[in-house]
Amino acid sequence: MPHQQLLHLVIGGELEDVTGVKFRDLAKIDLVGAYPSYEEAHRAWRARAQATVDNAHMRYFIIHAHRLLDPLVEGAGDDAPRGAIPAGSVARSAASPTSRRESPP
């Protein structure tokens, strides 16, 4: 049986305030890419987050697009490993994804 494709998007940009999730300029959103697995998206997220670690307002996100496209699909939320970054969280760091702000698992 073929593995189900689980689409993930990685985006980022500068936030108006580090305590929120409102971008300063939507025209400057960095669309890093679309990935078929959480693991690939996480690698891309980590690389971009590490490259921008000196800018405290810059944040990158993993969006579980497959959940948005078909939220009723069985197992649609089972692709991310336990303790992984939830969709919409703002974790990022050069050292560890949990060393900055992160939503609890």
PDB file of N, CA and C in Angstrom:
ATOM      1  N   MET A   1       0.847  -1.175   0.000  1.00  0.00           N
ATOM      2  CA  MET A   1       0.000   0.000   0.000  1.00  0.00           C
ATOM      3  C   MET A   1       0.891   1.236   0.000  1.00  0.00           C
ATOM      4  N   PRO A   2       0.686   2.181  -0.942  1.00  0.00           N
ATOM      5  CA  PRO A   2       1.533   3.365  -1.000  1.00  0.00           C
ATOM      6  C   PRO A   2       1.315   4.271   0.203  1.00  0.00           C
ATOM      7  N   HIS A   3       2.391   4.935   0.617  1.00  0.00           N
ATOM      8  CA  HIS A   3       2.350   5.856   1.745  1.00  0.00           C
ATOM      9  C   HIS A   3       1.533   7.091   1.357  1.00  0.00           C
ATOM     10  N   GLN A   4       0.673   7.564   2.247  1.00  0.00           N
ATOM     11  CA  GLN A   4      -0.142   8.737   1.992  1.00  0.00           C
ATOM     12  C   GLN A   4       0.734   9.975   1.946  1.00  0.00           C
ATOM     13  N   GLN A   5       0.513  10.819   0.940  1.00  0.00           N
ATOM     14  CA  GLN A   5       1.258  12.069   0.849  1.00  0.00           C
ATOM     15  C   GLN A   5       0.685  13.065   1.854  1.00  0.00           C
ATOM     16  N   LEU A   6       1.545  13.631   2.669  1.00  0.00           N
ATOM     17  CA  LEU A   6       1.133  14.599   3.672  1.00  0.00           C
ATOM     18  C   LEU A   6       1.848  15.913   3.384  1.00  0.00           C
ATOM     19  N   LEU A   7       1.134  16.856   2.803  1.00  0.00           N
ATOM     20  CA  LEU A   7       1.715  18.112   2.354  1.00  0.00           C
ATOM     21  C   LEU A   7       1.995  19.059   3.519  1.00  0.00           C
ATOM     22  N   HIS A   8       3.225  19.578   3.561  1.00  0.00           N
ATOM     23  CA  HIS A   8       3.649  20.545   4.581  1.00  0.00           C
ATOM     24  C   HIS A   8       4.252  21.753   3.882  1.00  0.00           C
ATOM     25  N   LEU A   9       3.898  22.946   4.351  1.00  0.00           N
ATOM     26  CA  LEU A   9       4.466  24.177   3.831  1.00  0.00           C
ATOM     27  C   LEU A   9       5.363  24.794   4.898  1.00  0.00           C
ATOM     28  N   VAL A  10       6.467  25.380   4.461  1.00  0.00           N
ATOM     29  CA  VAL A  10       7.353  26.108   5.372  1.00  0.00           C
ATOM     30  C   VAL A  10       7.378  27.551   4.896  1.00  0.00           C
ATOM     31  N   ILE A  11       6.952  28.462   5.794  1.00  0.00           N
ATOM     32  CA  ILE A  11       6.940  29.889   5.477  1.00  0.00           C
ATOM     33  C   ILE A  11       7.548  30.660   6.636  1.00  0.00           C
ATOM     34  N   GLY A  12       7.914  31.898   6.364  1.00  0.00           N
ATOM     35  CA  GLY A  12       8.441  32.733   7.431  1.00  0.00           C
ATOM     36  C   GLY A  12       8.421  34.191   7.051  1.00  0.00           C
ATOM     37  N   GLY A  13       8.780  35.003   8.020  1.00  0.00           N
ATOM     38  CA  GLY A  13       8.844  36.437   7.801  1.00  0.00           C
ATOM     39  C   GLY A  13       9.051  37.153   9.118  1.00  0.00           C
ATOM     40  N   GLU A  14       9.177  38.463   9.020  1.00  0.00           N
ATOM     41  CA  GLU A  14       9.359  39.269  10.231  1.00  0.00           C
ATOM     42  C   GLU A  14       8.010  39.535  10.881  1.00  0.00           C
ATOM     43  N   LEU A  15       7.971  39.357  12.196  1.00  0.00           N
ATOM     44  CA  LEU A  15       6.761  39.611  12.965  1.00  0.00           C
ATOM     45  C   LEU A  15       6.752  41.048  13.478  1.00  0.00           C
ATOM     46  N   GLU A  16       5.561  41.611  13.638  1.00  0.00           N
ATOM     47  CA  GLU A  16       5.448  42.951  14.226  1.00  0.00           C
ATOM     48  C   GLU A  16       5.895  42.932  15.680  1.00  0.00           C
ATOM     49  N   ASP A  17       5.548  41.855  16.381  1.00  0.00           N
ATOM     50  CA  ASP A  17       5.843  41.731  17.803  1.00  0.00           C
ATOM     51  C   ASP A  17       6.209  40.271  18.063  1.00  0.00           C
ATOM     52  N   VAL A  18       7.276  40.024  18.775  1.00  0.00           N
ATOM     53  CA  VAL A  18       7.729  38.646  18.995  1.00  0.00           C
ATOM     54  C   VAL A  18       6.774  37.830  19.856  1.00  0.00           C
ATOM     55  N   THR A  19       5.820  38.478  20.505  1.00  0.00           N
ATOM     56  CA  THR A  19       4.858  37.732  21.322  1.00  0.00           C
ATOM     57  C   THR A  19       3.625  37.321  20.525  1.00  0.00           C
ATOM     58  N   GLY A  20       3.532  37.732  19.264  1.00  0.00           N
ATOM     59  CA  GLY A  20       2.374  37.402  18.437  1.00  0.00           C
ATOM     60  C   GLY A  20       2.761  36.669  17.172  1.00  0.00           C
ATOM     61  N   VAL A  21       1.801  36.574  16.267  1.00  0.00           N
ATOM     62  CA  VAL A  21       2.041  35.898  15.001  1.00  0.00           C
ATOM     63  C   VAL A  21       1.533  36.755  13.845  1.00  0.00           C
ATOM     64  N   LYS A  22       1.686  38.062  13.956  1.00  0.00           N
ATOM     65  CA  LYS A  22       1.276  38.971  12.895  1.00  0.00           C
ATOM     66  C   LYS A  22       2.520  39.448  12.152  1.00  0.00           C
ATOM     67  N   PHE A  23       2.553  39.181  10.845  1.00  0.00           N
ATOM     68  CA  PHE A  23       3.708  39.559  10.030  1.00  0.00           C
ATOM     69  C   PHE A  23       3.722  41.059   9.778  1.00  0.00           C
ATOM     70  N   ARG A  24       4.929  41.630   9.729  1.00  0.00           N
ATOM     71  CA  ARG A  24       5.093  43.063   9.438  1.00  0.00           C
ATOM     72  C   ARG A  24       4.613  43.403   8.033  1.00  0.00           C
ATOM     73  N   ASP A  25       4.985  42.578   7.061  1.00  0.00           N
ATOM     74  CA  ASP A  25       4.671  42.878   5.665  1.00  0.00           C
ATOM     75  C   ASP A  25       4.382  41.562   4.935  1.00  0.00           C
ATOM     76  N   LEU A  26       3.113  41.324   4.622  1.00  0.00           N
ATOM     77  CA  LEU A  26       2.738  40.070   3.955  1.00  0.00           C
ATOM     78  C   LEU A  26       3.364  39.934   2.569  1.00  0.00           C
ATOM     79  N   ALA A  27       3.717  41.044   1.956  1.00  0.00           N
ATOM     80  CA  ALA A  27       4.357  40.993   0.639  1.00  0.00           C
ATOM     81  C   ALA A  27       5.778  40.431   0.723  1.00  0.00           C
ATOM     82  N   LYS A  28       6.326  40.399   1.937  1.00  0.00           N
ATOM     83  CA  LYS A  28       7.692  39.907   2.110  1.00  0.00           C
ATOM     84  C   LYS A  28       7.749  38.534   2.780  1.00  0.00           C
ATOM     85  N   ILE A  29       6.645  37.796   2.771  1.00  0.00           N
ATOM     86  CA  ILE A  29       6.641  36.440   3.327  1.00  0.00           C
ATOM     87  C   ILE A  29       7.603  35.579   2.523  1.00  0.00           C
ATOM     88  N   ASP A  30       8.404  34.812   3.218  1.00  0.00           N
ATOM     89  CA  ASP A  30       9.358  33.897   2.592  1.00  0.00           C
ATOM     90  C   ASP A  30       8.706  32.517   2.499  1.00  0.00           C
ATOM     91  N   LEU A  31       8.280  32.135   1.295  1.00  0.00           N
ATOM     92  CA  LEU A  31       7.732  30.799   1.079  1.00  0.00           C
ATOM     93  C   LEU A  31       8.908  29.879   0.791  1.00  0.00           C
ATOM     94  N   VAL A  32       9.330  29.153   1.799  1.00  0.00           N
ATOM     95  CA  VAL A  32      10.503  28.288   1.679  1.00  0.00           C
ATOM     96  C   VAL A  32      10.204  27.125   0.741  1.00  0.00           C
ATOM     97  N   GLY A  33       9.036  26.493   0.914  1.00  0.00           N
ATOM     98  CA  GLY A  33       8.686  25.410   0.013  1.00  0.00           C
ATOM     99  C   GLY A  33       7.592  24.508   0.554  1.00  0.00           C
ATOM    100  N   ALA A  34       7.227  23.541  -0.290  1.00  0.00           N
ATOM    101  CA  ALA A  34       6.232  22.527   0.052  1.00  0.00           C
ATOM    102  C   ALA A  34       6.954  21.188   0.122  1.00  0.00           C
ATOM    103  N   TYR A  35       6.614  20.378   1.122  1.00  0.00           N
ATOM    104  CA  TYR A  35       7.342  19.135   1.377  1.00  0.00           C
ATOM    105  C   TYR A  35       6.359  17.990   1.612  1.00  0.00           C
ATOM    106  N   PRO A  36       6.708  16.788   1.162  1.00  0.00           N
ATOM    107  CA  PRO A  36       5.803  15.640   1.265  1.00  0.00           C
ATOM    108  C   PRO A  36       5.819  14.933   2.619  1.00  0.00           C
ATOM    109  N   SER A  37       6.684  15.364   3.526  1.00  0.00           N
ATOM    110  CA  SER A  37       6.719  14.734   4.849  1.00  0.00           C
ATOM    111  C   SER A  37       7.110  15.778   5.888  1.00  0.00           C
ATOM    112  N   TYR A  38       6.715  15.505   7.121  1.00  0.00           N
ATOM    113  CA  TYR A  38       7.071  16.407   8.216  1.00  0.00           C
ATOM    114  C   TYR A  38       8.593  16.475   8.376  1.00  0.00           C
ATOM    115  N   GLU A  39       9.266  15.354   8.235  1.00  0.00           N
ATOM    116  CA  GLU A  39      10.719  15.323   8.420  1.00  0.00           C
ATOM    117  C   GLU A  39      11.424  16.249   7.436  1.00  0.00           C
ATOM    118  N   GLU A  40      11.012  16.223   6.161  1.00  0.00           N
ATOM    119  CA  GLU A  40      11.636  17.091   5.166  1.00  0.00           C
ATOM    120  C   GLU A  40      11.320  18.561   5.455  1.00  0.00           C
ATOM    121  N   ALA A  41      10.084  18.837   5.843  1.00  0.00           N
ATOM    122  CA  ALA A  41       9.696  20.205   6.184  1.00  0.00           C
ATOM    123  C   ALA A  41      10.489  20.702   7.392  1.00  0.00           C
ATOM    124  N   HIS A  42      10.688  19.835   8.366  1.00  0.00           N
ATOM    125  CA  HIS A  42      11.425  20.218   9.568  1.00  0.00           C
ATOM    126  C   HIS A  42      12.875  20.549   9.241  1.00  0.00           C
ATOM    127  N   ARG A  43      13.483  19.790   8.344  1.00  0.00           N
ATOM    128  CA  ARG A  43      14.864  20.089   7.939  1.00  0.00           C
ATOM    129  C   ARG A  43      14.941  21.467   7.277  1.00  0.00           C
ATOM    130  N   ALA A  44      13.987  21.764   6.396  1.00  0.00           N
ATOM    131  CA  ALA A  44      13.967  23.065   5.718  1.00  0.00           C
ATOM    132  C   ALA A  44      13.704  24.190   6.715  1.00  0.00           C
ATOM    133  N   TRP A  45      12.766  23.955   7.626  1.00  0.00           N
ATOM    134  CA  TRP A  45      12.448  24.938   8.671  1.00  0.00           C
ATOM    135  C   TRP A  45      13.688  25.237   9.510  1.00  0.00           C
ATOM    136  N   ARG A  46      14.375  24.188   9.956  1.00  0.00           N
ATOM    137  CA  ARG A  46      15.558  24.354  10.800  1.00  0.00           C
ATOM    138  C   ARG A  46      16.656  25.131  10.074  1.00  0.00           C
ATOM    139  N   ALA A  47      16.899  24.804   8.820  1.00  0.00           N
ATOM    140  CA  ALA A  47      17.951  25.487   8.057  1.00  0.00           C
ATOM    141  C   ALA A  47      17.651  26.977   7.917  1.00  0.00           C
ATOM    142  N   ARG A  48      16.401  27.303   7.597  1.00  0.00           N
ATOM    143  CA  ARG A  48      16.057  28.709   7.420  1.00  0.00           C
ATOM    144  C   ARG A  48      16.047  29.441   8.759  1.00  0.00           C
ATOM    145  N   ALA A  49      15.553  28.810   9.801  1.00  0.00           N
ATOM    146  CA  ALA A  49      15.529  29.427  11.129  1.00  0.00           C
ATOM    147  C   ALA A  49      16.958  29.697  11.619  1.00  0.00           C
ATOM    148  N   GLN A  50      17.848  28.752  11.402  1.00  0.00           N
ATOM    149  CA  GLN A  50      19.241  28.941  11.823  1.00  0.00           C
ATOM    150  C   GLN A  50      19.915  30.062  11.039  1.00  0.00           C
ATOM    151  N   ALA A  51      19.553  30.204   9.772  1.00  0.00           N
ATOM    152  CA  ALA A  51      20.161  31.243   8.938  1.00  0.00           C
ATOM    153  C   ALA A  51      19.714  32.645   9.343  1.00  0.00           C
ATOM    154  N   THR A  52      18.577  32.736  10.050  1.00  0.00           N
ATOM    155  CA  THR A  52      18.046  34.048  10.426  1.00  0.00           C
ATOM    156  C   THR A  52      18.032  34.254  11.939  1.00  0.00           C
ATOM    157  N   VAL A  53      18.793  33.488  12.669  1.00  0.00           N
ATOM    158  CA  VAL A  53      18.757  33.520  14.133  1.00  0.00           C
ATOM    159  C   VAL A  53      19.141  34.882  14.715  1.00  0.00           C
ATOM    160  N   ASP A  54      19.875  35.695  13.989  1.00  0.00           N
ATOM    161  CA  ASP A  54      20.286  37.009  14.490  1.00  0.00           C
ATOM    162  C   ASP A  54      19.154  38.034  14.461  1.00  0.00           C
ATOM    163  N   ASN A  55      18.067  37.752  13.764  1.00  0.00           N
ATOM    164  CA  ASN A  55      16.935  38.666  13.699  1.00  0.00           C
ATOM    165  C   ASN A  55      15.835  38.135  14.617  1.00  0.00           C
ATOM    166  N   ALA A  56      15.671  38.752  15.776  1.00  0.00           N
ATOM    167  CA  ALA A  56      14.711  38.267  16.774  1.00  0.00           C
ATOM    168  C   ALA A  56      13.268  38.306  16.295  1.00  0.00           C
ATOM    169  N   HIS A  57      12.955  39.132  15.301  1.00  0.00           N
ATOM    170  CA  HIS A  57      11.579  39.225  14.803  1.00  0.00           C
ATOM    171  C   HIS A  57      11.273  38.226  13.684  1.00  0.00           C
ATOM    172  N   MET A  58      12.285  37.566  13.182  1.00  0.00           N
ATOM    173  CA  MET A  58      12.081  36.618  12.083  1.00  0.00           C
ATOM    174  C   MET A  58      11.627  35.284  12.652  1.00  0.00           C
ATOM    175  N   ARG A  59      10.550  34.732  12.085  1.00  0.00           N
ATOM    176  CA  ARG A  59      10.023  33.437  12.513  1.00  0.00           C
ATOM    177  C   ARG A  59       9.639  32.607  11.293  1.00  0.00           C
ATOM    178  N   TYR A  60       9.829  31.320  11.428  1.00  0.00           N
ATOM    179  CA  TYR A  60       9.434  30.367  10.389  1.00  0.00           C
ATOM    180  C   TYR A  60       8.451  29.372  10.981  1.00  0.00           C
ATOM    181  N   PHE A  61       7.550  28.895  10.143  1.00  0.00           N
ATOM    182  CA  PHE A  61       6.467  28.026  10.580  1.00  0.00           C
ATOM    183  C   PHE A  61       6.350  26.813   9.665  1.00  0.00           C
ATOM    184  N   ILE A  62       5.950  25.707  10.239  1.00  0.00           N
ATOM    185  CA  ILE A  62       5.568  24.518   9.465  1.00  0.00           C
ATOM    186  C   ILE A  62       4.053  24.469   9.483  1.00  0.00           C
ATOM    187  N   ILE A  63       3.461  24.509   8.308  1.00  0.00           N
ATOM    188  CA  ILE A  63       2.007  24.442   8.191  1.00  0.00           C
ATOM    189  C   ILE A  63       1.646  23.060   7.664  1.00  0.00           C
ATOM    190  N   HIS A  64       0.820  22.357   8.397  1.00  0.00           N
ATOM    191  CA  HIS A  64       0.377  21.022   7.995  1.00  0.00           C
ATOM    192  C   HIS A  64      -0.770  21.197   6.997  1.00  0.00           C
ATOM    193  N   ALA A  65      -0.428  21.478   5.755  1.00  0.00           N
ATOM    194  CA  ALA A  65      -1.422  21.802   4.732  1.00  0.00           C
ATOM    195  C   ALA A  65      -2.378  20.644   4.466  1.00  0.00           C
ATOM    196  N   HIS A  66      -1.931  19.413   4.635  1.00  0.00           N
ATOM    197  CA  HIS A  66      -2.810  18.272   4.402  1.00  0.00           C
ATOM    198  C   HIS A  66      -3.982  18.289   5.370  1.00  0.00           C
ATOM    199  N   ARG A  67      -3.803  18.852   6.553  1.00  0.00           N
ATOM    200  CA  ARG A  67      -4.896  18.966   7.519  1.00  0.00           C
ATOM    201  C   ARG A  67      -5.901  20.018   7.069  1.00  0.00           C
ATOM    202  N   LEU A  68      -5.429  21.049   6.397  1.00  0.00           N
ATOM    203  CA  LEU A  68      -6.317  22.091   5.889  1.00  0.00           C
ATOM    204  C   LEU A  68      -7.086  21.609   4.666  1.00  0.00           C
ATOM    205  N   LEU A  69      -6.434  20.817   3.826  1.00  0.00           N
ATOM    206  CA  LEU A  69      -7.061  20.337   2.602  1.00  0.00           C
ATOM    207  C   LEU A  69      -8.139  19.302   2.875  1.00  0.00           C
ATOM    208  N   ASP A  70      -7.897  18.424   3.836  1.00  0.00           N
ATOM    209  CA  ASP A  70      -8.858  17.367   4.137  1.00  0.00           C
ATOM    210  C   ASP A  70      -8.766  16.998   5.612  1.00  0.00           C
ATOM    211  N   PRO A  71      -9.377  17.807   6.495  1.00  0.00           N
ATOM    212  CA  PRO A  71      -9.230  17.590   7.933  1.00  0.00           C
ATOM    213  C   PRO A  71      -9.890  16.312   8.447  1.00  0.00           C
ATOM    214  N   LEU A  72     -10.737  15.679   7.646  1.00  0.00           N
ATOM    215  CA  LEU A  72     -11.439  14.488   8.097  1.00  0.00           C
ATOM    216  C   LEU A  72     -10.735  13.184   7.722  1.00  0.00           C
ATOM    217  N   VAL A  73      -9.601  13.277   7.013  1.00  0.00           N
ATOM    218  CA  VAL A  73      -8.870  12.073   6.617  1.00  0.00           C
ATOM    219  C   VAL A  73      -8.325  11.382   7.855  1.00  0.00           C
ATOM    220  N   GLU A  74      -8.559  10.094   7.956  1.00  0.00           N
ATOM    221  CA  GLU A  74      -8.056   9.296   9.082  1.00  0.00           C
ATOM    222  C   GLU A  74      -6.539   9.381   9.129  1.00  0.00           C
ATOM    223  N   GLY A  75      -5.999   9.689  10.302  1.00  0.00           N
ATOM    224  CA  GLY A  75      -4.544   9.732  10.467  1.00  0.00           C
ATOM    225  C   GLY A  75      -3.909  11.014   9.973  1.00  0.00           C
ATOM    226  N   ALA A  76      -4.699  12.017   9.586  1.00  0.00           N
ATOM    227  CA  ALA A  76      -4.132  13.256   9.042  1.00  0.00           C
ATOM    228  C   ALA A  76      -3.252  13.989  10.037  1.00  0.00           C
ATOM    229  N   GLY A  77      -3.421  13.720  11.323  1.00  0.00           N
ATOM    230  CA  GLY A  77      -2.600  14.401  12.305  1.00  0.00           C
ATOM    231  C   GLY A  77      -1.505  13.532  12.870  1.00  0.00           C
ATOM    232  N   ASP A  78      -1.253  12.379  12.272  1.00  0.00           N
ATOM    233  CA  ASP A  78      -0.321  11.415  12.842  1.00  0.00           C
ATOM    234  C   ASP A  78       1.063  11.445  12.221  1.00  0.00           C
ATOM    235  N   ASP A  79       1.370  12.417  11.357  1.00  0.00           N
ATOM    236  CA  ASP A  79       2.646  12.405  10.657  1.00  0.00           C
ATOM    237  C   ASP A  79       3.791  12.986  11.458  1.00  0.00           C
ATOM    238  N   ALA A  80       3.529  13.913  12.356  1.00  0.00           N
ATOM    239  CA  ALA A  80       4.605  14.542  13.121  1.00  0.00           C
ATOM    240  C   ALA A  80       4.949  13.686  14.328  1.00  0.00           C
ATOM    241  N   PRO A  81       6.222  13.516  14.607  1.00  0.00           N
ATOM    242  CA  PRO A  81       6.614  12.729  15.773  1.00  0.00           C
ATOM    243  C   PRO A  81       6.172  13.401  17.064  1.00  0.00           C
ATOM    244  N   ARG A  82       6.032  12.639  18.120  1.00  0.00           N
ATOM    245  CA  ARG A  82       5.637  13.183  19.421  1.00  0.00           C
ATOM    246  C   ARG A  82       6.641  14.249  19.845  1.00  0.00           C
ATOM    247  N   GLY A  83       6.134  15.345  20.395  1.00  0.00           N
ATOM    248  CA  GLY A  83       6.998  16.437  20.827  1.00  0.00           C
ATOM    249  C   GLY A  83       7.435  17.329  19.684  1.00  0.00           C
ATOM    250  N   ALA A  84       6.876  17.116  18.499  1.00  0.00           N
ATOM    251  CA  ALA A  84       7.269  17.909  17.339  1.00  0.00           C
ATOM    252  C   ALA A  84       6.620  19.279  17.400  1.00  0.00           C
ATOM    253  N   ILE A  85       7.034  20.141  16.506  1.00  0.00           N
ATOM    254  CA  ILE A  85       6.533  21.494  16.469  1.00  0.00           C
ATOM    255  C   ILE A  85       5.130  21.479  15.897  1.00  0.00           C
ATOM    256  N   PRO A  86       4.131  21.916  16.661  1.00  0.00           N
ATOM    257  CA  PRO A  86       2.773  21.949  16.152  1.00  0.00           C
ATOM    258  C   PRO A  86       2.632  22.980  15.047  1.00  0.00           C
ATOM    259  N   ALA A  87       1.665  22.785  14.160  1.00  0.00           N
ATOM    260  CA  ALA A  87       1.402  23.763  13.108  1.00  0.00           C
ATOM    261  C   ALA A  87       1.119  25.100  13.749  1.00  0.00           C
ATOM    262  N   GLY A  88       1.759  26.135  13.243  1.00  0.00           N
ATOM    263  CA  GLY A  88       1.529  27.469  13.758  1.00  0.00           C
ATOM    264  C   GLY A  88       2.415  27.864  14.916  1.00  0.00           C
ATOM    265  N   SER A  89       3.257  26.976  15.399  1.00  0.00           N
ATOM    266  CA  SER A  89       4.143  27.365  16.487  1.00  0.00           C
ATOM    267  C   SER A  89       5.250  28.243  15.936  1.00  0.00           C
ATOM    268  N   VAL A  90       5.979  28.878  16.816  1.00  0.00           N
ATOM    269  CA  VAL A  90       7.005  29.803  16.369  1.00  0.00           C
ATOM    270  C   VAL A  90       8.378  29.437  16.902  1.00  0.00           C
ATOM    271  N   ALA A  91       8.617  28.176  17.115  1.00  0.00           N
ATOM    272  CA  ALA A  91       9.925  27.751  17.618  1.00  0.00           C
ATOM    273  C   ALA A  91      10.990  27.962  16.561  1.00  0.00           C
ATOM    274  N   ARG A  92      12.182  28.372  16.990  1.00  0.00           N
ATOM    275  CA  ARG A  92      13.313  28.490  16.081  1.00  0.00           C
ATOM    276  C   ARG A  92      14.559  28.799  16.892  1.00  0.00           C
ATOM    277  N   SER A  93      15.671  28.326  16.429  1.00  0.00           N
ATOM    278  CA  SER A  93      16.931  28.644  17.078  1.00  0.00           C
ATOM    279  C   SER A  93      18.059  27.967  16.334  1.00  0.00           C
ATOM    280  N   ALA A  94      19.251  28.478  16.504  1.00  0.00           N
ATOM    281  CA  ALA A  94      20.408  27.820  15.906  1.00  0.00           C
ATOM    282  C   ALA A  94      20.761  26.566  16.691  1.00  0.00           C
ATOM    283  N   ALA A  95      20.508  26.579  17.979  1.00  0.00           N
ATOM    284  CA  ALA A  95      20.897  25.448  18.810  1.00  0.00           C
ATOM    285  C   ALA A  95      19.827  24.367  18.834  1.00  0.00           C
ATOM    286  N   SER A  96      18.592  24.782  18.999  1.00  0.00           N
ATOM    287  CA  SER A  96      17.516  23.811  19.168  1.00  0.00           C
ATOM    288  C   SER A  96      16.186  24.457  18.865  1.00  0.00           C
ATOM    289  N   PRO A  97      15.243  23.712  18.278  1.00  0.00           N
ATOM    290  CA  PRO A  97      13.949  24.308  17.999  1.00  0.00           C
ATOM    291  C   PRO A  97      13.184  24.657  19.267  1.00  0.00           C
ATOM    292  N   THR A  98      13.605  24.168  20.424  1.00  0.00           N
ATOM    293  CA  THR A  98      12.872  24.456  21.648  1.00  0.00           C
ATOM    294  C   THR A  98      13.520  25.547  22.484  1.00  0.00           C
ATOM    295  N   SER A  99      14.656  26.078  22.073  1.00  0.00           N
ATOM    296  CA  SER A  99      15.330  27.062  22.903  1.00  0.00           C
ATOM    297  C   SER A  99      14.691  28.447  22.800  1.00  0.00           C
ATOM    298  N   ARG A 100      13.859  28.681  21.814  1.00  0.00           N
ATOM    299  CA  ARG A 100      13.070  29.911  21.729  1.00  0.00           C
ATOM    300  C   ARG A 100      11.631  29.550  22.049  1.00  0.00           C
ATOM    301  N   ARG A 101      10.698  30.375  21.692  1.00  0.00           N
ATOM    302  CA  ARG A 101       9.290  30.175  22.008  1.00  0.00           C
ATOM    303  C   ARG A 101       8.726  29.005  21.211  1.00  0.00           C
ATOM    304  N   GLU A 102       8.031  28.107  21.907  1.00  0.00           N
ATOM    305  CA  GLU A 102       7.423  26.964  21.232  1.00  0.00           C
ATOM    306  C   GLU A 102       6.136  26.600  21.944  1.00  0.00           C
ATOM    307  N   SER A 103       5.139  26.228  21.169  1.00  0.00           N
ATOM    308  CA  SER A 103       3.899  25.745  21.768  1.00  0.00           C
ATOM    309  C   SER A 103       4.165  24.404  22.396  1.00  0.00           C
ATOM    310  N   PRO A 104       3.532  24.102  23.535  1.00  0.00           N
ATOM    311  CA  PRO A 104       3.755  22.791  24.156  1.00  0.00           C
ATOM    312  C   PRO A 104       3.208  21.663  23.294  1.00  0.00           C
ATOM    313  N   PRO A 105       3.829  20.469  23.356  1.00  0.00           N
ATOM    314  CA  PRO A 105       3.374  19.346  22.523  1.00  0.00           C
ATOM    315  C   PRO A 105       1.977  18.887  22.910  1.00  0.00           C
TER     316      PRO A 105
END
